[in-house]
Amino acid sequence: MPVIRSADARRTETPNAVMTTLASPTQGATALAQWRVEMPADRQGPPHAMDTEQIWTFLTGSATVTLAGETLTVRAGDTLALPADVPRRLATAEGFTAVVASPSPSHAYNPDARTPDGACALAPRDADRLLPAWIA
């Protein structure tokens, strides 16, 4: 069984969060990815969807999640099951740390096939689907 050392964890920084890959197919796993998300206070990710289910467990802080038009609040200790192909957006006032698990590959995309205003360079463009670095 492979051991992935903390020194080998891959960090990907976006304008809104830092994702640290704990395990993925490019780091010894075969079908799953697991990563830590650290989002500082007063940030929000872009609206997007993923083509696989994701499980988010919040270790610290809290977030507001818009999921298919419904607004949910999650706090430290809560686990969020995000279904595949459902539009989502995460935001936080106080910041949070979460651990996320997902099948890999798992592709991000814009549900309306339009790049949101202000999307960072790592976000999918228009109708493209993209495998985020932290899941690869």
N, C-alpha and C. Protein backbone atom coordinates (compact mmCIF):
# COMPACT_ATOMS: atom_id res chain seq x y z
N MET A 1 0.86 -1.18 0.00
CA MET A 1 0.00 0.00 0.00
C MET A 1 0.90 1.24 0.00
N PRO A 2 0.72 2.13 -0.96
CA PRO A 2 1.58 3.31 -1.01
C PRO A 2 1.29 4.30 0.12
N VAL A 3 2.35 4.92 0.56
CA VAL A 3 2.24 5.99 1.55
C VAL A 3 2.57 7.29 0.83
N ILE A 4 1.70 8.25 0.98
CA ILE A 4 1.93 9.56 0.39
C ILE A 4 2.38 10.48 1.52
N ARG A 5 3.61 10.88 1.49
CA ARG A 5 4.19 11.69 2.56
C ARG A 5 3.67 13.12 2.47
N SER A 6 3.53 13.77 3.62
CA SER A 6 3.03 15.14 3.62
C SER A 6 3.92 16.05 2.79
N ALA A 7 5.21 15.74 2.73
CA ALA A 7 6.13 16.56 1.93
C ALA A 7 5.83 16.44 0.43
N ASP A 8 5.12 15.37 0.04
CA ASP A 8 4.79 15.15 -1.36
C ASP A 8 3.39 15.66 -1.73
N ALA A 9 2.67 16.22 -0.78
CA ALA A 9 1.33 16.75 -1.06
C ALA A 9 1.46 17.91 -2.06
N ARG A 10 0.57 17.94 -3.02
CA ARG A 10 0.60 18.98 -4.06
C ARG A 10 -0.34 20.11 -3.66
N ARG A 11 0.16 21.34 -3.69
CA ARG A 11 -0.66 22.51 -3.34
C ARG A 11 -1.00 23.29 -4.61
N THR A 12 -2.28 23.63 -4.72
CA THR A 12 -2.75 24.45 -5.84
C THR A 12 -3.46 25.65 -5.24
N GLU A 13 -3.00 26.83 -5.59
CA GLU A 13 -3.59 28.05 -5.04
C GLU A 13 -4.39 28.76 -6.12
N THR A 14 -5.62 29.15 -5.78
CA THR A 14 -6.46 29.98 -6.64
C THR A 14 -6.67 31.30 -5.91
N PRO A 15 -7.31 32.27 -6.53
CA PRO A 15 -7.58 33.52 -5.81
C PRO A 15 -8.48 33.35 -4.58
N ASN A 16 -9.20 32.22 -4.51
CA ASN A 16 -10.18 32.04 -3.44
C ASN A 16 -9.82 30.99 -2.40
N ALA A 17 -8.91 30.08 -2.71
CA ALA A 17 -8.62 28.99 -1.78
C ALA A 17 -7.31 28.31 -2.15
N VAL A 18 -6.84 27.50 -1.20
CA VAL A 18 -5.68 26.63 -1.45
C VAL A 18 -6.17 25.20 -1.31
N MET A 19 -5.90 24.39 -2.34
CA MET A 19 -6.24 22.98 -2.32
C MET A 19 -4.94 22.19 -2.19
N THR A 20 -4.88 21.31 -1.20
CA THR A 20 -3.71 20.47 -1.00
C THR A 20 -4.13 19.03 -1.27
N THR A 21 -3.57 18.45 -2.33
CA THR A 21 -3.90 17.08 -2.71
C THR A 21 -3.26 16.12 -1.72
N LEU A 22 -4.08 15.30 -1.09
CA LEU A 22 -3.60 14.31 -0.13
C LEU A 22 -3.38 12.96 -0.79
N ALA A 23 -4.23 12.64 -1.78
CA ALA A 23 -4.11 11.42 -2.57
C ALA A 23 -4.85 11.63 -3.88
N SER A 24 -4.31 11.06 -4.95
CA SER A 24 -4.94 11.14 -6.27
C SER A 24 -4.27 10.12 -7.18
N PRO A 25 -4.81 9.89 -8.36
CA PRO A 25 -4.18 8.94 -9.26
C PRO A 25 -2.74 9.29 -9.63
N THR A 26 -2.38 10.55 -9.65
CA THR A 26 -0.99 10.90 -9.96
C THR A 26 -0.09 10.80 -8.72
N GLN A 27 -0.68 10.43 -7.58
CA GLN A 27 0.09 10.31 -6.34
C GLN A 27 -0.11 8.95 -5.68
N GLY A 28 -0.48 7.93 -6.44
CA GLY A 28 -0.53 6.59 -5.88
C GLY A 28 -1.91 5.98 -5.73
N ALA A 29 -2.98 6.78 -5.73
CA ALA A 29 -4.33 6.22 -5.68
C ALA A 29 -4.70 5.75 -7.09
N THR A 30 -5.75 4.93 -7.20
CA THR A 30 -6.14 4.46 -8.53
C THR A 30 -7.46 5.03 -9.01
N ALA A 31 -8.39 5.33 -8.12
CA ALA A 31 -9.71 5.77 -8.57
C ALA A 31 -10.30 6.91 -7.76
N LEU A 32 -9.64 7.29 -6.68
CA LEU A 32 -10.18 8.32 -5.80
C LEU A 32 -9.17 9.45 -5.62
N ALA A 33 -9.70 10.62 -5.30
CA ALA A 33 -8.86 11.75 -4.91
C ALA A 33 -9.36 12.26 -3.57
N GLN A 34 -8.43 12.75 -2.77
CA GLN A 34 -8.78 13.39 -1.51
C GLN A 34 -7.89 14.62 -1.38
N TRP A 35 -8.51 15.73 -0.98
CA TRP A 35 -7.75 16.97 -0.84
C TRP A 35 -8.31 17.81 0.29
N ARG A 36 -7.48 18.73 0.77
CA ARG A 36 -7.90 19.68 1.81
C ARG A 36 -8.11 21.03 1.14
N VAL A 37 -9.20 21.69 1.49
CA VAL A 37 -9.50 23.04 1.00
C VAL A 37 -9.39 24.00 2.17
N GLU A 38 -8.61 25.06 1.99
CA GLU A 38 -8.52 26.13 2.97
C GLU A 38 -8.95 27.42 2.28
N MET A 39 -10.12 27.90 2.67
CA MET A 39 -10.66 29.13 2.08
C MET A 39 -10.67 30.22 3.14
N PRO A 40 -9.95 31.32 2.90
CA PRO A 40 -9.92 32.41 3.88
C PRO A 40 -11.28 33.12 3.98
N ALA A 41 -11.39 33.95 4.99
CA ALA A 41 -12.63 34.72 5.21
C ALA A 41 -12.96 35.61 4.02
N ASP A 42 -14.24 35.82 3.84
CA ASP A 42 -14.77 36.73 2.82
C ASP A 42 -14.38 36.34 1.40
N ARG A 43 -14.44 35.06 1.10
CA ARG A 43 -14.14 34.56 -0.25
C ARG A 43 -15.29 33.71 -0.74
N GLN A 44 -15.34 33.54 -2.05
CA GLN A 44 -16.31 32.61 -2.64
C GLN A 44 -15.72 32.02 -3.90
N GLY A 45 -16.03 30.76 -4.12
CA GLY A 45 -15.59 30.11 -5.34
C GLY A 45 -16.53 30.47 -6.48
N PRO A 46 -16.16 30.11 -7.69
CA PRO A 46 -17.02 30.42 -8.83
C PRO A 46 -18.22 29.48 -8.89
N PRO A 47 -19.30 29.92 -9.51
CA PRO A 47 -20.39 28.97 -9.77
C PRO A 47 -19.88 27.93 -10.77
N HIS A 48 -20.17 26.66 -10.50
CA HIS A 48 -19.71 25.59 -11.38
C HIS A 48 -20.48 24.31 -11.06
N ALA A 49 -20.19 23.25 -11.79
CA ALA A 49 -20.71 21.92 -11.50
C ALA A 49 -19.57 20.94 -11.67
N MET A 50 -19.72 19.76 -11.10
CA MET A 50 -18.74 18.67 -11.25
C MET A 50 -19.49 17.46 -11.82
N ASP A 51 -18.79 16.64 -12.60
CA ASP A 51 -19.46 15.50 -13.21
C ASP A 51 -19.45 14.23 -12.35
N THR A 52 -18.97 14.35 -11.11
CA THR A 52 -19.02 13.25 -10.14
C THR A 52 -19.45 13.80 -8.78
N GLU A 53 -19.91 12.91 -7.94
CA GLU A 53 -20.25 13.28 -6.57
C GLU A 53 -18.99 13.66 -5.80
N GLN A 54 -19.14 14.59 -4.86
CA GLN A 54 -18.07 14.95 -3.94
C GLN A 54 -18.61 14.92 -2.51
N ILE A 55 -17.76 14.53 -1.58
CA ILE A 55 -18.10 14.53 -0.15
C ILE A 55 -17.16 15.50 0.55
N TRP A 56 -17.72 16.54 1.16
CA TRP A 56 -16.96 17.58 1.87
C TRP A 56 -17.21 17.44 3.37
N THR A 57 -16.16 17.32 4.17
CA THR A 57 -16.27 17.33 5.63
C THR A 57 -15.56 18.58 6.13
N PHE A 58 -16.30 19.42 6.84
CA PHE A 58 -15.79 20.70 7.32
C PHE A 58 -15.12 20.50 8.67
N LEU A 59 -13.84 20.86 8.72
CA LEU A 59 -13.04 20.69 9.94
C LEU A 59 -13.08 21.94 10.80
N THR A 60 -13.05 23.13 10.17
CA THR A 60 -13.09 24.40 10.90
C THR A 60 -13.98 25.37 10.12
N GLY A 61 -14.46 26.38 10.81
CA GLY A 61 -15.19 27.47 10.16
C GLY A 61 -16.57 27.07 9.66
N SER A 62 -17.06 27.84 8.69
CA SER A 62 -18.38 27.60 8.13
C SER A 62 -18.44 28.11 6.70
N ALA A 63 -19.45 27.65 5.98
CA ALA A 63 -19.63 28.08 4.59
C ALA A 63 -21.11 28.13 4.26
N THR A 64 -21.41 28.95 3.28
CA THR A 64 -22.74 28.97 2.69
C THR A 64 -22.62 28.32 1.33
N VAL A 65 -23.46 27.36 1.07
CA VAL A 65 -23.41 26.62 -0.19
C VAL A 65 -24.71 26.85 -0.93
N THR A 66 -24.58 27.35 -2.15
CA THR A 66 -25.75 27.45 -3.03
C THR A 66 -25.70 26.22 -3.91
N LEU A 67 -26.73 25.37 -3.80
CA LEU A 67 -26.77 24.10 -4.51
C LEU A 67 -28.11 24.02 -5.23
N ALA A 68 -28.05 24.12 -6.56
CA ALA A 68 -29.26 24.05 -7.39
C ALA A 68 -30.30 25.08 -6.92
N GLY A 69 -29.84 26.27 -6.54
CA GLY A 69 -30.74 27.34 -6.14
C GLY A 69 -31.13 27.32 -4.67
N GLU A 70 -30.78 26.27 -3.92
CA GLU A 70 -31.07 26.19 -2.49
C GLU A 70 -29.83 26.65 -1.73
N THR A 71 -30.03 27.39 -0.63
CA THR A 71 -28.91 27.86 0.17
C THR A 71 -28.81 27.02 1.44
N LEU A 72 -27.62 26.47 1.67
CA LEU A 72 -27.34 25.63 2.83
C LEU A 72 -26.21 26.25 3.63
N THR A 73 -26.24 26.10 4.95
CA THR A 73 -25.13 26.53 5.79
C THR A 73 -24.52 25.30 6.42
N VAL A 74 -23.19 25.19 6.32
CA VAL A 74 -22.46 24.07 6.93
C VAL A 74 -21.41 24.63 7.86
N ARG A 75 -21.16 23.89 8.93
CA ARG A 75 -20.21 24.32 9.96
C ARG A 75 -19.24 23.20 10.27
N ALA A 76 -18.20 23.52 11.03
CA ALA A 76 -17.23 22.52 11.45
C ALA A 76 -17.95 21.29 12.00
N GLY A 77 -17.55 20.12 11.54
CA GLY A 77 -18.18 18.87 11.96
C GLY A 77 -19.24 18.37 10.99
N ASP A 78 -19.74 19.24 10.12
CA ASP A 78 -20.76 18.84 9.15
C ASP A 78 -20.12 18.21 7.92
N THR A 79 -20.85 17.31 7.29
CA THR A 79 -20.43 16.71 6.03
C THR A 79 -21.49 17.00 4.99
N LEU A 80 -21.03 17.38 3.83
CA LEU A 80 -21.89 17.79 2.73
C LEU A 80 -21.68 16.83 1.56
N ALA A 81 -22.75 16.21 1.10
CA ALA A 81 -22.69 15.33 -0.07
C ALA A 81 -23.20 16.13 -1.27
N LEU A 82 -22.28 16.49 -2.15
CA LEU A 82 -22.64 17.28 -3.34
C LEU A 82 -22.84 16.34 -4.52
N PRO A 83 -24.06 16.27 -5.06
CA PRO A 83 -24.31 15.35 -6.17
C PRO A 83 -23.65 15.81 -7.46
N ALA A 84 -23.45 14.89 -8.35
CA ALA A 84 -22.89 15.20 -9.67
C ALA A 84 -23.86 16.05 -10.47
N ASP A 85 -23.29 16.89 -11.33
CA ASP A 85 -24.04 17.64 -12.34
C ASP A 85 -25.08 18.60 -11.78
N VAL A 86 -24.85 19.09 -10.57
CA VAL A 86 -25.75 20.07 -9.94
C VAL A 86 -24.96 21.37 -9.74
N PRO A 87 -25.46 22.50 -10.22
CA PRO A 87 -24.76 23.78 -10.03
C PRO A 87 -24.54 24.08 -8.54
N ARG A 88 -23.35 24.61 -8.24
CA ARG A 88 -22.98 24.88 -6.84
C ARG A 88 -22.09 26.11 -6.75
N ARG A 89 -22.06 26.66 -5.57
CA ARG A 89 -21.12 27.75 -5.26
C ARG A 89 -20.92 27.77 -3.77
N LEU A 90 -19.67 27.82 -3.32
CA LEU A 90 -19.34 27.89 -1.91
C LEU A 90 -18.80 29.26 -1.58
N ALA A 91 -19.23 29.80 -0.45
CA ALA A 91 -18.78 31.10 0.02
C ALA A 91 -18.57 31.01 1.53
N THR A 92 -17.74 31.90 2.06
CA THR A 92 -17.50 31.91 3.49
C THR A 92 -17.26 33.32 4.00
N ALA A 93 -17.83 33.62 5.15
CA ALA A 93 -17.57 34.90 5.81
C ALA A 93 -16.39 34.79 6.76
N GLU A 94 -16.27 33.65 7.45
CA GLU A 94 -15.23 33.49 8.47
C GLU A 94 -14.05 32.64 8.02
N GLY A 95 -14.15 31.97 6.89
CA GLY A 95 -13.12 31.04 6.44
C GLY A 95 -13.44 29.63 6.87
N PHE A 96 -12.85 28.64 6.20
CA PHE A 96 -13.05 27.25 6.59
C PHE A 96 -11.91 26.39 6.08
N THR A 97 -11.80 25.22 6.69
CA THR A 97 -10.95 24.14 6.21
C THR A 97 -11.84 22.92 6.08
N ALA A 98 -11.74 22.24 4.95
CA ALA A 98 -12.53 21.04 4.69
C ALA A 98 -11.66 19.99 4.04
N VAL A 99 -12.03 18.73 4.22
CA VAL A 99 -11.41 17.63 3.50
C VAL A 99 -12.46 17.10 2.54
N VAL A 100 -12.04 16.89 1.28
CA VAL A 100 -12.97 16.51 0.22
C VAL A 100 -12.51 15.19 -0.40
N ALA A 101 -13.47 14.34 -0.74
CA ALA A 101 -13.20 13.08 -1.45
C ALA A 101 -14.08 13.03 -2.69
N SER A 102 -13.51 12.45 -3.75
CA SER A 102 -14.20 12.39 -5.03
C SER A 102 -13.60 11.27 -5.87
N PRO A 103 -14.40 10.69 -6.77
CA PRO A 103 -13.78 9.83 -7.77
C PRO A 103 -12.85 10.68 -8.63
N SER A 104 -11.86 10.02 -9.22
CA SER A 104 -10.98 10.72 -10.15
C SER A 104 -10.81 9.83 -11.37
N PRO A 105 -11.01 10.38 -12.56
CA PRO A 105 -11.13 11.81 -12.84
C PRO A 105 -12.51 12.35 -12.49
N SER A 106 -12.54 13.64 -12.25
CA SER A 106 -13.76 14.39 -11.96
C SER A 106 -13.58 15.76 -12.61
N HIS A 107 -14.49 16.11 -13.47
CA HIS A 107 -14.32 17.33 -14.29
C HIS A 107 -15.25 18.45 -13.85
N ALA A 108 -14.68 19.66 -13.77
CA ALA A 108 -15.44 20.88 -13.47
C ALA A 108 -15.93 21.48 -14.78
N TYR A 109 -17.11 22.08 -14.73
CA TYR A 109 -17.64 22.75 -15.92
C TYR A 109 -18.63 23.82 -15.53
N ASN A 110 -18.92 24.68 -16.49
CA ASN A 110 -19.90 25.75 -16.31
C ASN A 110 -21.26 25.22 -16.76
N PRO A 111 -22.23 25.12 -15.84
CA PRO A 111 -23.52 24.52 -16.19
C PRO A 111 -24.23 25.20 -17.36
N ASP A 112 -24.02 26.51 -17.52
CA ASP A 112 -24.67 27.21 -18.63
C ASP A 112 -23.71 27.42 -19.81
N ALA A 113 -22.54 26.75 -19.76
CA ALA A 113 -21.54 26.80 -20.84
C ALA A 113 -20.98 28.20 -21.07
N ARG A 114 -21.03 29.05 -20.04
CA ARG A 114 -20.45 30.40 -20.12
C ARG A 114 -19.50 30.59 -18.95
N THR A 115 -18.32 31.11 -19.23
CA THR A 115 -17.35 31.39 -18.18
C THR A 115 -17.88 32.53 -17.31
N PRO A 116 -17.98 32.32 -15.98
CA PRO A 116 -18.48 33.40 -15.11
C PRO A 116 -17.53 34.60 -15.12
N ASP A 117 -18.07 35.78 -14.96
CA ASP A 117 -17.26 36.99 -14.84
C ASP A 117 -16.29 36.82 -13.67
N GLY A 118 -15.07 37.22 -13.87
CA GLY A 118 -14.07 37.17 -12.82
C GLY A 118 -13.48 35.80 -12.56
N ALA A 119 -13.79 34.79 -13.39
CA ALA A 119 -13.24 33.45 -13.18
C ALA A 119 -11.72 33.48 -13.32
N CYS A 120 -11.03 32.77 -12.44
CA CYS A 120 -9.56 32.76 -12.49
C CYS A 120 -9.08 31.91 -13.66
N ALA A 121 -7.80 31.96 -13.91
CA ALA A 121 -7.20 31.26 -15.05
C ALA A 121 -7.33 29.74 -14.93
N LEU A 122 -7.56 29.21 -13.73
CA LEU A 122 -7.69 27.77 -13.55
C LEU A 122 -9.11 27.26 -13.78
N ALA A 123 -10.07 28.16 -13.93
CA ALA A 123 -11.47 27.78 -14.11
C ALA A 123 -11.73 27.30 -15.54
N PRO A 124 -12.71 26.40 -15.73
CA PRO A 124 -13.03 25.98 -17.09
C PRO A 124 -13.57 27.15 -17.91
N ARG A 125 -13.34 27.12 -19.18
CA ARG A 125 -13.79 28.17 -20.09
C ARG A 125 -15.00 27.70 -20.87
N ASP A 126 -16.05 28.51 -20.84
CA ASP A 126 -17.29 28.26 -21.58
C ASP A 126 -17.72 26.81 -21.45
N ALA A 127 -17.81 26.06 -22.55
CA ALA A 127 -18.34 24.69 -22.50
C ALA A 127 -17.27 23.64 -22.22
N ASP A 128 -16.02 24.07 -21.99
CA ASP A 128 -14.95 23.12 -21.70
C ASP A 128 -15.17 22.43 -20.36
N ARG A 129 -14.69 21.21 -20.26
CA ARG A 129 -14.64 20.48 -18.99
C ARG A 129 -13.18 20.32 -18.63
N LEU A 130 -12.88 20.49 -17.36
CA LEU A 130 -11.48 20.49 -16.95
C LEU A 130 -11.28 19.65 -15.71
N LEU A 131 -10.19 18.90 -15.71
CA LEU A 131 -9.79 18.10 -14.56
C LEU A 131 -8.94 18.99 -13.67
N PRO A 132 -9.45 19.40 -12.51
CA PRO A 132 -8.66 20.26 -11.63
C PRO A 132 -7.38 19.57 -11.18
N ALA A 133 -6.32 20.34 -11.03
CA ALA A 133 -5.02 19.78 -10.64
C ALA A 133 -5.08 19.01 -9.34
N TRP A 134 -5.91 19.44 -8.40
CA TRP A 134 -5.97 18.79 -7.08
C TRP A 134 -6.70 17.46 -7.13
N ILE A 135 -7.37 17.13 -8.25
CA ILE A 135 -8.07 15.85 -8.38
C ILE A 135 -7.29 14.88 -9.27
N ALA A 136 -6.40 15.42 -10.10
CA ALA A 136 -5.66 14.58 -11.08
C ALA A 136 -4.71 13.61 -10.38
